[in-house]
Amino acid sequence: MIRQLTEKDRTLVMDFAGERPAENLFILGDIETFGFGGEPVMVWGDFNETGALISILLRYRDNFIPYAKHPDQLDGEAWSEVIKNNGKLSMLSGLKEMVERILPFIGQPPQDRKLCFYAKREDREVLDKESMRKDVKMLFPEEADKIVRLRASIPEFSEPKVDLADFQENMEKGISRTYYIEKNEEPVSAVSTTAETRRAAMIVGVCTKPGYKRRGYATSCLIKTIAALKAEHKEPCLFYNNPEAGSIYKKLGFEDIDQWMMASYRKIS
């Protein structure tokens, strides 16, 4: 039986998804930030005949994310009906095996489908900070435009453009932070987090300006970020599809945990 979940179900849902805090970073973060009010977040649960929760589906605006502890307990056909009947679908994303159980029942092929590796770093892993440069700085919200300009200057980060107001607001809310290295009073390398929850954080925006690469700048920013998260017992996680980047992350203790799929659609009701 599928039903919409409410604030009364918070503990049930957070315990269910919280067993895998990195894998469910977006689900947990959206509930922590927005609750079960209906906009911009709605959450549904599927219960078996004994009343146990076996899978959930979260909608954030037009993006739907499914999750089940056991993929074979995720009813792709039933969840596709919920998606088609509630809101306008522009993105279906999540752990690859979960998304693939729903895709055949959506009724139309996705406009685009992307797949990337999903990695996390266990809190128990020892962090070697000896190689970290000493000139890594923490960004303050009022300085956010520095990183927006840095990313705009790097070809692979030019699209989509970072919204300065959103970037600043997320820092003020405590769900994002940035560490960077500066040369000639301008940032040349940076690492950010986003969607921080009580137990995990997504690392994004790992970048270095052309002309400053292969000097260990991004690695130093990463180490500083990991150390800050580790002090708060938050698991760092990240997406990557570049093998070279993957090898750097693995040297810092990250391990692949799954693949993340993003299937985008022209908005359909």
C-alpha atoms as a PDB file:
ATOM      1  CA  MET A   1       0.000   0.000   0.000  1.00  0.00           C
ATOM      2  CA  ILE A   2       1.333   3.398  -1.009  1.00  0.00           C
ATOM      3  CA  ARG A   3       0.391   6.554   0.883  1.00  0.00           C
ATOM      4  CA  GLN A   4       1.694  10.084   1.227  1.00  0.00           C
ATOM      5  CA  LEU A   5       3.839  10.521   4.328  1.00  0.00           C
ATOM      6  CA  THR A   6       3.464  13.329   6.850  1.00  0.00           C
ATOM      7  CA  GLU A   7       5.347  14.835   9.756  1.00  0.00           C
ATOM      8  CA  LYS A   8       4.016  11.995  11.913  1.00  0.00           C
ATOM      9  CA  ASP A   9       6.125   9.609   9.827  1.00  0.00           C
ATOM     10  CA  ARG A  10       9.383  11.552  10.256  1.00  0.00           C
ATOM     11  CA  THR A  11      11.114   9.128  12.632  1.00  0.00           C
ATOM     12  CA  LEU A  12      10.085   6.119  10.559  1.00  0.00           C
ATOM     13  CA  VAL A  13      11.397   7.640   7.316  1.00  0.00           C
ATOM     14  CA  MET A  14      14.599   9.098   8.763  1.00  0.00           C
ATOM     15  CA  ASP A  15      15.466   5.756  10.371  1.00  0.00           C
ATOM     16  CA  PHE A  16      14.643   3.904   7.135  1.00  0.00           C
ATOM     17  CA  ALA A  17      16.781   6.150   4.897  1.00  0.00           C
ATOM     18  CA  GLY A  18      19.319   6.956   7.607  1.00  0.00           C
ATOM     19  CA  GLU A  19      20.831   3.469   7.544  1.00  0.00           C
ATOM     20  CA  ARG A  20      22.607   4.632   4.359  1.00  0.00           C
ATOM     21  CA  PRO A  21      23.214   8.367   4.992  1.00  0.00           C
ATOM     22  CA  ALA A  22      25.501   8.926   2.008  1.00  0.00           C
ATOM     23  CA  GLU A  23      23.326   7.072  -0.492  1.00  0.00           C
ATOM     24  CA  ASN A  24      20.250   8.937   0.772  1.00  0.00           C
ATOM     25  CA  LEU A  25      21.891  12.321   1.184  1.00  0.00           C
ATOM     26  CA  PHE A  26      19.350  14.168  -0.973  1.00  0.00           C
ATOM     27  CA  ILE A  27      16.316  12.466   0.559  1.00  0.00           C
ATOM     28  CA  LEU A  28      17.501  13.122   4.117  1.00  0.00           C
ATOM     29  CA  GLY A  29      18.640  16.663   3.326  1.00  0.00           C
ATOM     30  CA  ASP A  30      15.368  17.662   1.664  1.00  0.00           C
ATOM     31  CA  ILE A  31      13.333  16.338   4.583  1.00  0.00           C
ATOM     32  CA  GLU A  32      15.598  18.051   7.130  1.00  0.00           C
ATOM     33  CA  THR A  33      15.285  21.339   5.243  1.00  0.00           C
ATOM     34  CA  PHE A  34      11.672  21.312   4.046  1.00  0.00           C
ATOM     35  CA  GLY A  35       9.843  18.661   6.066  1.00  0.00           C
ATOM     36  CA  PHE A  36       6.722  16.966   4.713  1.00  0.00           C
ATOM     37  CA  GLY A  37       4.676  20.058   3.954  1.00  0.00           C
ATOM     38  CA  GLY A  38       3.988  19.330   0.306  1.00  0.00           C
ATOM     39  CA  GLU A  39       5.971  22.156  -1.345  1.00  0.00           C
ATOM     40  CA  PRO A  40       8.581  21.912  -2.561  1.00  0.00           C
ATOM     41  CA  VAL A  41       8.894  18.400  -1.089  1.00  0.00           C
ATOM     42  CA  MET A  42       6.465  15.475  -1.001  1.00  0.00           C
ATOM     43  CA  VAL A  43       7.270  11.978   0.263  1.00  0.00           C
ATOM     44  CA  TRP A  44       5.397   8.712  -0.211  1.00  0.00           C
ATOM     45  CA  GLY A  45       5.908   5.304   1.381  1.00  0.00           C
ATOM     46  CA  ASP A  46       5.071   1.782   0.251  1.00  0.00           C
ATOM     47  CA  PHE A  47       4.077  -0.589   3.072  1.00  0.00           C
ATOM     48  CA  ASN A  48       3.841  -4.377   2.894  1.00  0.00           C
ATOM     49  CA  GLU A  49       1.000  -6.531   4.230  1.00  0.00           C
ATOM     50  CA  THR A  50       2.452  -6.448   7.767  1.00  0.00           C
ATOM     51  CA  GLY A  51       2.637  -2.647   7.747  1.00  0.00           C
ATOM     52  CA  ALA A  52       6.417  -2.434   7.353  1.00  0.00           C
ATOM     53  CA  LEU A  53       7.868   0.352   5.203  1.00  0.00           C
ATOM     54  CA  ILE A  54       9.644  -1.229   2.214  1.00  0.00           C
ATOM     55  CA  SER A  55      10.326   1.693  -0.164  1.00  0.00           C
ATOM     56  CA  ILE A  56       9.968   5.467  -0.400  1.00  0.00           C
ATOM     57  CA  LEU A  57       9.759   8.102  -3.112  1.00  0.00           C
ATOM     58  CA  LEU A  58      10.641  11.760  -2.629  1.00  0.00           C
ATOM     59  CA  ARG A  59       9.706  14.596  -4.952  1.00  0.00           C
ATOM     60  CA  TYR A  60      11.717  17.812  -4.793  1.00  0.00           C
ATOM     61  CA  ARG A  61      10.031  20.229  -7.212  1.00  0.00           C
ATOM     62  CA  ASP A  62      10.153  18.213 -10.480  1.00  0.00           C
ATOM     63  CA  ASN A  63      12.819  15.713  -9.420  1.00  0.00           C
ATOM     64  CA  PHE A  64      11.809  12.278  -8.082  1.00  0.00           C
ATOM     65  CA  ILE A  65      14.169  10.038  -6.068  1.00  0.00           C
ATOM     66  CA  PRO A  66      13.219   6.445  -5.119  1.00  0.00           C
ATOM     67  CA  TYR A  67      14.832   4.265  -2.459  1.00  0.00           C
ATOM     68  CA  ALA A  68      14.399   0.777  -1.023  1.00  0.00           C
ATOM     69  CA  LYS A  69      16.701  -1.214   1.225  1.00  0.00           C
ATOM     70  CA  HIS A  70      16.268  -4.123  -1.163  1.00  0.00           C
ATOM     71  CA  PRO A  71      15.790  -3.218  -4.868  1.00  0.00           C
ATOM     72  CA  ASP A  72      13.464  -6.167  -5.450  1.00  0.00           C
ATOM     73  CA  GLN A  73      11.034  -4.585  -2.966  1.00  0.00           C
ATOM     74  CA  LEU A  74      10.717  -1.450  -5.073  1.00  0.00           C
ATOM     75  CA  ASP A  75       7.546  -1.694  -7.161  1.00  0.00           C
ATOM     76  CA  GLY A  76       8.555   0.186 -10.317  1.00  0.00           C
ATOM     77  CA  GLU A  77       5.118   0.099 -11.902  1.00  0.00           C
ATOM     78  CA  ALA A  78       3.343   1.398  -8.808  1.00  0.00           C
ATOM     79  CA  TRP A  79       5.855   4.185  -8.298  1.00  0.00           C
ATOM     80  CA  SER A  80       5.601   5.214 -11.955  1.00  0.00           C
ATOM     81  CA  GLU A  81       1.876   5.826 -11.408  1.00  0.00           C
ATOM     82  CA  VAL A  82       2.611   8.031  -8.406  1.00  0.00           C
ATOM     83  CA  ILE A  83       5.124   9.999 -10.463  1.00  0.00           C
ATOM     84  CA  LYS A  84       2.723  10.470 -13.371  1.00  0.00           C
ATOM     85  CA  ASN A  85      -0.149  11.477 -11.092  1.00  0.00           C
ATOM     86  CA  ASN A  86       1.719  13.912  -8.870  1.00  0.00           C
ATOM     87  CA  GLY A  87       3.591  16.912 -10.183  1.00  0.00           C
ATOM     88  CA  LYS A  88       5.453  17.327 -13.435  1.00  0.00           C
ATOM     89  CA  LEU A  89       8.390  15.026 -14.032  1.00  0.00           C
ATOM     90  CA  SER A  90      11.581  16.558 -15.353  1.00  0.00           C
ATOM     91  CA  MET A  91      14.102  14.300 -13.608  1.00  0.00           C
ATOM     92  CA  LEU A  92      14.146  10.801 -12.157  1.00  0.00           C
ATOM     93  CA  SER A  93      17.383  10.203 -10.276  1.00  0.00           C
ATOM     94  CA  GLY A  94      18.839   7.865  -7.712  1.00  0.00           C
ATOM     95  CA  LEU A  95      20.845   4.700  -7.277  1.00  0.00           C
ATOM     96  CA  LYS A  96      21.040   2.990 -10.660  1.00  0.00           C
ATOM     97  CA  GLU A  97      19.213  -0.214  -9.749  1.00  0.00           C
ATOM     98  CA  MET A  98      16.342   1.749  -8.167  1.00  0.00           C
ATOM     99  CA  VAL A  99      15.834   4.069 -11.122  1.00  0.00           C
ATOM    100  CA  GLU A 100      16.008   1.222 -13.625  1.00  0.00           C
ATOM    101  CA  ARG A 101      13.067  -0.499 -11.952  1.00  0.00           C
ATOM    102  CA  ILE A 102      10.839   2.533 -12.657  1.00  0.00           C
ATOM    103  CA  LEU A 103      12.043   3.687 -16.097  1.00  0.00           C
ATOM    104  CA  PRO A 104      10.193   1.037 -18.196  1.00  0.00           C
ATOM    105  CA  PHE A 105       6.841   2.131 -16.772  1.00  0.00           C
ATOM    106  CA  ILE A 106       7.109   5.918 -17.223  1.00  0.00           C
ATOM    107  CA  GLY A 107       5.521   5.715 -20.671  1.00  0.00           C
ATOM    108  CA  GLN A 108       8.146   7.577 -22.648  1.00  0.00           C
ATOM    109  CA  PRO A 109      11.925   7.302 -23.014  1.00  0.00           C
ATOM    110  CA  PRO A 110      14.031   9.861 -21.161  1.00  0.00           C
ATOM    111  CA  GLN A 111      15.316  12.812 -23.152  1.00  0.00           C
ATOM    112  CA  ASP A 112      18.749  12.206 -21.653  1.00  0.00           C
ATOM    113  CA  ARG A 113      20.283   9.641 -19.336  1.00  0.00           C
ATOM    114  CA  LYS A 114      23.498  10.133 -17.361  1.00  0.00           C
ATOM    115  CA  LEU A 115      25.373   7.689 -15.193  1.00  0.00           C
ATOM    116  CA  CYS A 116      28.248   8.414 -12.841  1.00  0.00           C
ATOM    117  CA  PHE A 117      30.119   6.733 -10.031  1.00  0.00           C
ATOM    118  CA  TYR A 118      29.002   7.467  -6.486  1.00  0.00           C
ATOM    119  CA  ALA A 119      31.722   7.323  -3.842  1.00  0.00           C
ATOM    120  CA  LYS A 120      31.925   7.999  -0.127  1.00  0.00           C
ATOM    121  CA  ARG A 121      34.586   8.168   2.552  1.00  0.00           C
ATOM    122  CA  GLU A 122      33.981   6.315   5.803  1.00  0.00           C
ATOM    123  CA  ASP A 123      34.368   8.369   8.969  1.00  0.00           C
ATOM    124  CA  ARG A 124      36.693   5.732  10.456  1.00  0.00           C
ATOM    125  CA  GLU A 125      39.275   6.232   7.678  1.00  0.00           C
ATOM    126  CA  VAL A 126      42.454   7.960   8.879  1.00  0.00           C
ATOM    127  CA  LEU A 127      43.173  11.266   7.127  1.00  0.00           C
ATOM    128  CA  ASP A 128      46.777  12.228   6.379  1.00  0.00           C
ATOM    129  CA  LYS A 129      46.930  16.025   6.635  1.00  0.00           C
ATOM    130  CA  GLU A 130      50.707  16.292   6.268  1.00  0.00           C
ATOM    131  CA  SER A 131      50.541  16.988   2.523  1.00  0.00           C
ATOM    132  CA  MET A 132      47.934  19.741   2.902  1.00  0.00           C
ATOM    133  CA  ARG A 133      49.080  23.241   2.076  1.00  0.00           C
ATOM    134  CA  LYS A 134      48.807  25.769   4.878  1.00  0.00           C
ATOM    135  CA  ASP A 135      47.227  28.522   2.775  1.00  0.00           C
ATOM    136  CA  VAL A 136      43.763  26.939   2.408  1.00  0.00           C
ATOM    137  CA  LYS A 137      41.072  29.429   3.399  1.00  0.00           C
ATOM    138  CA  MET A 138      37.406  29.063   4.328  1.00  0.00           C
ATOM    139  CA  LEU A 139      34.999  31.136   2.254  1.00  0.00           C
ATOM    140  CA  PHE A 140      32.532  33.477   3.984  1.00  0.00           C
ATOM    141  CA  PRO A 141      29.056  34.023   2.490  1.00  0.00           C
ATOM    142  CA  GLU A 142      29.801  37.646   1.620  1.00  0.00           C
ATOM    143  CA  GLU A 143      32.744  36.447  -0.505  1.00  0.00           C
ATOM    144  CA  ALA A 144      30.673  33.961  -2.539  1.00  0.00           C
ATOM    145  CA  ASP A 145      31.124  35.937  -5.763  1.00  0.00           C
ATOM    146  CA  LYS A 146      34.832  34.976  -5.738  1.00  0.00           C
ATOM    147  CA  ILE A 147      34.002  31.302  -6.306  1.00  0.00           C
ATOM    148  CA  VAL A 148      31.255  32.097  -8.803  1.00  0.00           C
ATOM    149  CA  ARG A 149      33.849  33.987 -10.860  1.00  0.00           C
ATOM    150  CA  LEU A 150      36.405  31.185 -10.470  1.00  0.00           C
ATOM    151  CA  ARG A 151      34.016  28.521 -11.751  1.00  0.00           C
ATOM    152  CA  ALA A 152      32.930  30.765 -14.628  1.00  0.00           C
ATOM    153  CA  SER A 153      36.590  31.027 -15.700  1.00  0.00           C
ATOM    154  CA  ILE A 154      36.971  27.236 -15.995  1.00  0.00           C
ATOM    155  CA  PRO A 155      35.505  25.756 -19.212  1.00  0.00           C
ATOM    156  CA  GLU A 156      34.100  22.575 -17.650  1.00  0.00           C
ATOM    157  CA  PHE A 157      32.311  24.633 -14.987  1.00  0.00           C
ATOM    158  CA  SER A 158      30.878  27.376 -17.202  1.00  0.00           C
ATOM    159  CA  GLU A 159      27.524  25.565 -17.575  1.00  0.00           C
ATOM    160  CA  PRO A 160      25.244  25.482 -15.715  1.00  0.00           C
ATOM    161  CA  LYS A 161      26.049  28.845 -14.164  1.00  0.00           C
ATOM    162  CA  VAL A 162      26.135  29.073 -10.379  1.00  0.00           C
ATOM    163  CA  ASP A 163      23.375  31.256  -8.957  1.00  0.00           C
ATOM    164  CA  LEU A 164      25.131  33.670  -6.584  1.00  0.00           C
ATOM    165  CA  ALA A 165      22.066  34.233  -4.376  1.00  0.00           C
ATOM    166  CA  ASP A 166      21.420  30.489  -3.976  1.00  0.00           C
ATOM    167  CA  PHE A 167      25.101  29.795  -3.325  1.00  0.00           C
ATOM    168  CA  GLN A 168      25.203  32.480  -0.645  1.00  0.00           C
ATOM    169  CA  GLU A 169      21.922  31.399   0.929  1.00  0.00           C
ATOM    170  CA  ASN A 170      23.028  27.765   1.191  1.00  0.00           C
ATOM    171  CA  MET A 171      26.193  28.854   2.989  1.00  0.00           C
ATOM    172  CA  GLU A 172      24.155  30.954   5.421  1.00  0.00           C
ATOM    173  CA  LYS A 173      21.830  27.990   6.069  1.00  0.00           C
ATOM    174  CA  GLY A 174      24.810  25.777   6.878  1.00  0.00           C
ATOM    175  CA  ILE A 175      24.139  23.261   4.108  1.00  0.00           C
ATOM    176  CA  SER A 176      27.130  24.354   2.027  1.00  0.00           C
ATOM    177  CA  ARG A 177      30.725  25.418   2.662  1.00  0.00           C
ATOM    178  CA  THR A 178      33.775  26.164   0.506  1.00  0.00           C
ATOM    179  CA  TYR A 179      37.541  26.018   1.004  1.00  0.00           C
ATOM    180  CA  TYR A 180      39.885  27.677  -1.468  1.00  0.00           C
ATOM    181  CA  ILE A 181      43.442  28.749  -2.260  1.00  0.00           C
ATOM    182  CA  GLU A 182      44.139  32.286  -3.389  1.00  0.00           C
ATOM    183  CA  LYS A 183      46.936  33.749  -5.495  1.00  0.00           C
ATOM    184  CA  ASN A 184      47.272  37.455  -6.251  1.00  0.00           C
ATOM    185  CA  GLU A 185      44.064  38.046  -4.261  1.00  0.00           C
ATOM    186  CA  GLU A 186      42.014  35.790  -6.552  1.00  0.00           C
ATOM    187  CA  PRO A 187      40.933  32.167  -5.901  1.00  0.00           C
ATOM    188  CA  VAL A 188      42.707  29.655  -8.128  1.00  0.00           C
ATOM    189  CA  SER A 189      41.372  26.399  -6.664  1.00  0.00           C
ATOM    190  CA  ALA A 190      38.353  25.462  -4.574  1.00  0.00           C
ATOM    191  CA  VAL A 191      36.203  22.671  -3.187  1.00  0.00           C
ATOM    192  CA  SER A 192      32.612  23.076  -1.992  1.00  0.00           C
ATOM    193  CA  THR A 193      29.983  20.993  -0.257  1.00  0.00           C
ATOM    194  CA  THR A 194      26.258  21.007  -0.836  1.00  0.00           C
ATOM    195  CA  ALA A 195      23.167  19.306   0.592  1.00  0.00           C
ATOM    196  CA  GLU A 196      24.847  18.843   3.971  1.00  0.00           C
ATOM    197  CA  THR A 197      22.814  16.789   6.434  1.00  0.00           C
ATOM    198  CA  ARG A 198      23.488  15.830  10.029  1.00  0.00           C
ATOM    199  CA  ARG A 199      25.414  12.764   8.880  1.00  0.00           C
ATOM    200  CA  ALA A 200      26.740  13.362   5.347  1.00  0.00           C
ATOM    201  CA  ALA A 201      27.717  15.998   2.790  1.00  0.00           C
ATOM    202  CA  MET A 202      28.083  16.048  -0.981  1.00  0.00           C
ATOM    203  CA  ILE A 203      31.419  17.367  -2.269  1.00  0.00           C
ATOM    204  CA  VAL A 204      31.069  19.432  -5.445  1.00  0.00           C
ATOM    205  CA  GLY A 205      32.869  22.076  -7.445  1.00  0.00           C
ATOM    206  CA  VAL A 206      36.361  20.583  -7.201  1.00  0.00           C
ATOM    207  CA  CYS A 207      38.159  22.963  -9.534  1.00  0.00           C
ATOM    208  CA  THR A 208      41.493  24.576 -10.355  1.00  0.00           C
ATOM    209  CA  LYS A 209      42.088  27.484 -12.690  1.00  0.00           C
ATOM    210  CA  PRO A 210      44.065  26.752 -15.876  1.00  0.00           C
ATOM    211  CA  GLY A 211      47.736  27.423 -15.253  1.00  0.00           C
ATOM    212  CA  TYR A 212      47.593  26.305 -11.621  1.00  0.00           C
ATOM    213  CA  LYS A 213      46.866  22.599 -12.050  1.00  0.00           C
ATOM    214  CA  ARG A 214      49.049  19.712 -10.808  1.00  0.00           C
ATOM    215  CA  ARG A 215      50.355  21.713  -7.847  1.00  0.00           C
ATOM    216  CA  GLY A 216      48.279  19.929  -5.215  1.00  0.00           C
ATOM    217  CA  TYR A 217      45.914  22.858  -4.725  1.00  0.00           C
ATOM    218  CA  ALA A 218      42.642  20.961  -5.206  1.00  0.00           C
ATOM    219  CA  THR A 219      43.953  18.035  -3.137  1.00  0.00           C
ATOM    220  CA  SER A 220      44.738  20.423  -0.275  1.00  0.00           C
ATOM    221  CA  CYS A 221      41.253  21.934  -0.473  1.00  0.00           C
ATOM    222  CA  LEU A 222      39.788  18.425  -0.453  1.00  0.00           C
ATOM    223  CA  ILE A 223      41.807  17.392   2.592  1.00  0.00           C
ATOM    224  CA  LYS A 224      40.702  20.532   4.444  1.00  0.00           C
ATOM    225  CA  THR A 225      37.062  19.845   3.520  1.00  0.00           C
ATOM    226  CA  ILE A 226      37.258  16.196   4.581  1.00  0.00           C
ATOM    227  CA  ALA A 227      38.901  17.172   7.882  1.00  0.00           C
ATOM    228  CA  ALA A 228      36.142  19.685   8.642  1.00  0.00           C
ATOM    229  CA  LEU A 229      33.415  17.139   7.872  1.00  0.00           C
ATOM    230  CA  LYS A 230      35.221  14.411   9.813  1.00  0.00           C
ATOM    231  CA  ALA A 231      35.310  16.661  12.895  1.00  0.00           C
ATOM    232  CA  GLU A 232      31.501  16.788  12.668  1.00  0.00           C
ATOM    233  CA  HIS A 233      31.183  13.025  11.985  1.00  0.00           C
ATOM    234  CA  LYS A 234      29.739  13.644   8.525  1.00  0.00           C
ATOM    235  CA  GLU A 235      30.468  11.226   5.680  1.00  0.00           C
ATOM    236  CA  PRO A 236      31.792  13.023   2.572  1.00  0.00           C
ATOM    237  CA  CYS A 237      30.418  11.667  -0.694  1.00  0.00           C
ATOM    238  CA  LEU A 238      30.733  12.691  -4.330  1.00  0.00           C
ATOM    239  CA  PHE A 239      29.931  11.887  -7.945  1.00  0.00           C
ATOM    240  CA  TYR A 240      32.584  11.448 -10.607  1.00  0.00           C
ATOM    241  CA  ASN A 241      32.857  10.077 -14.136  1.00  0.00           C
ATOM    242  CA  ASN A 242      36.481  10.959 -14.836  1.00  0.00           C
ATOM    243  CA  PRO A 243      38.875   8.043 -14.048  1.00  0.00           C
ATOM    244  CA  GLU A 244      41.718  10.487 -13.323  1.00  0.00           C
ATOM    245  CA  ALA A 245      39.585  12.291 -10.751  1.00  0.00           C
ATOM    246  CA  GLY A 246      38.461   8.943  -9.368  1.00  0.00           C
ATOM    247  CA  SER A 247      42.059   7.875  -8.719  1.00  0.00           C
ATOM    248  CA  ILE A 248      42.705  11.085  -6.745  1.00  0.00           C
ATOM    249  CA  TYR A 249      39.580  10.565  -4.630  1.00  0.00           C
ATOM    250  CA  LYS A 250      40.514   6.951  -3.919  1.00  0.00           C
ATOM    251  CA  LYS A 251      43.967   8.001  -2.692  1.00  0.00           C
ATOM    252  CA  LEU A 252      42.130  10.151  -0.145  1.00  0.00           C
ATOM    253  CA  GLY A 253      40.068   7.208   1.100  1.00  0.00           C
ATOM    254  CA  PHE A 254      36.939   7.374  -1.053  1.00  0.00           C
ATOM    255  CA  GLU A 255      35.400   4.085  -2.178  1.00  0.00           C
ATOM    256  CA  ASP A 256      32.822   3.492  -4.889  1.00  0.00           C
ATOM    257  CA  ILE A 257      29.511   2.498  -3.334  1.00  0.00           C
ATOM    258  CA  ASP A 258      27.184   2.492  -6.330  1.00  0.00           C
ATOM    259  CA  GLN A 259      26.314   4.265  -9.550  1.00  0.00           C
ATOM    260  CA  TRP A 260      23.957   7.234  -9.686  1.00  0.00           C
ATOM    261  CA  MET A 261      21.557   7.606 -12.588  1.00  0.00           C
ATOM    262  CA  MET A 262      19.852  10.792 -13.780  1.00  0.00           C
ATOM    263  CA  ALA A 263      17.106  10.432 -16.385  1.00  0.00           C
ATOM    264  CA  SER A 264      15.746  13.759 -17.628  1.00  0.00           C
ATOM    265  CA  TYR A 265      12.421  14.344 -19.362  1.00  0.00           C
ATOM    266  CA  ARG A 266      10.565  17.105 -21.062  1.00  0.00           C
ATOM    267  CA  LYS A 267       8.106  17.963 -18.323  1.00  0.00           C
ATOM    268  CA  ILE A 268       5.168  15.587 -18.365  1.00  0.00           C
ATOM    269  CA  SER A 269       2.104  15.447 -16.151  1.00  0.00           C
END
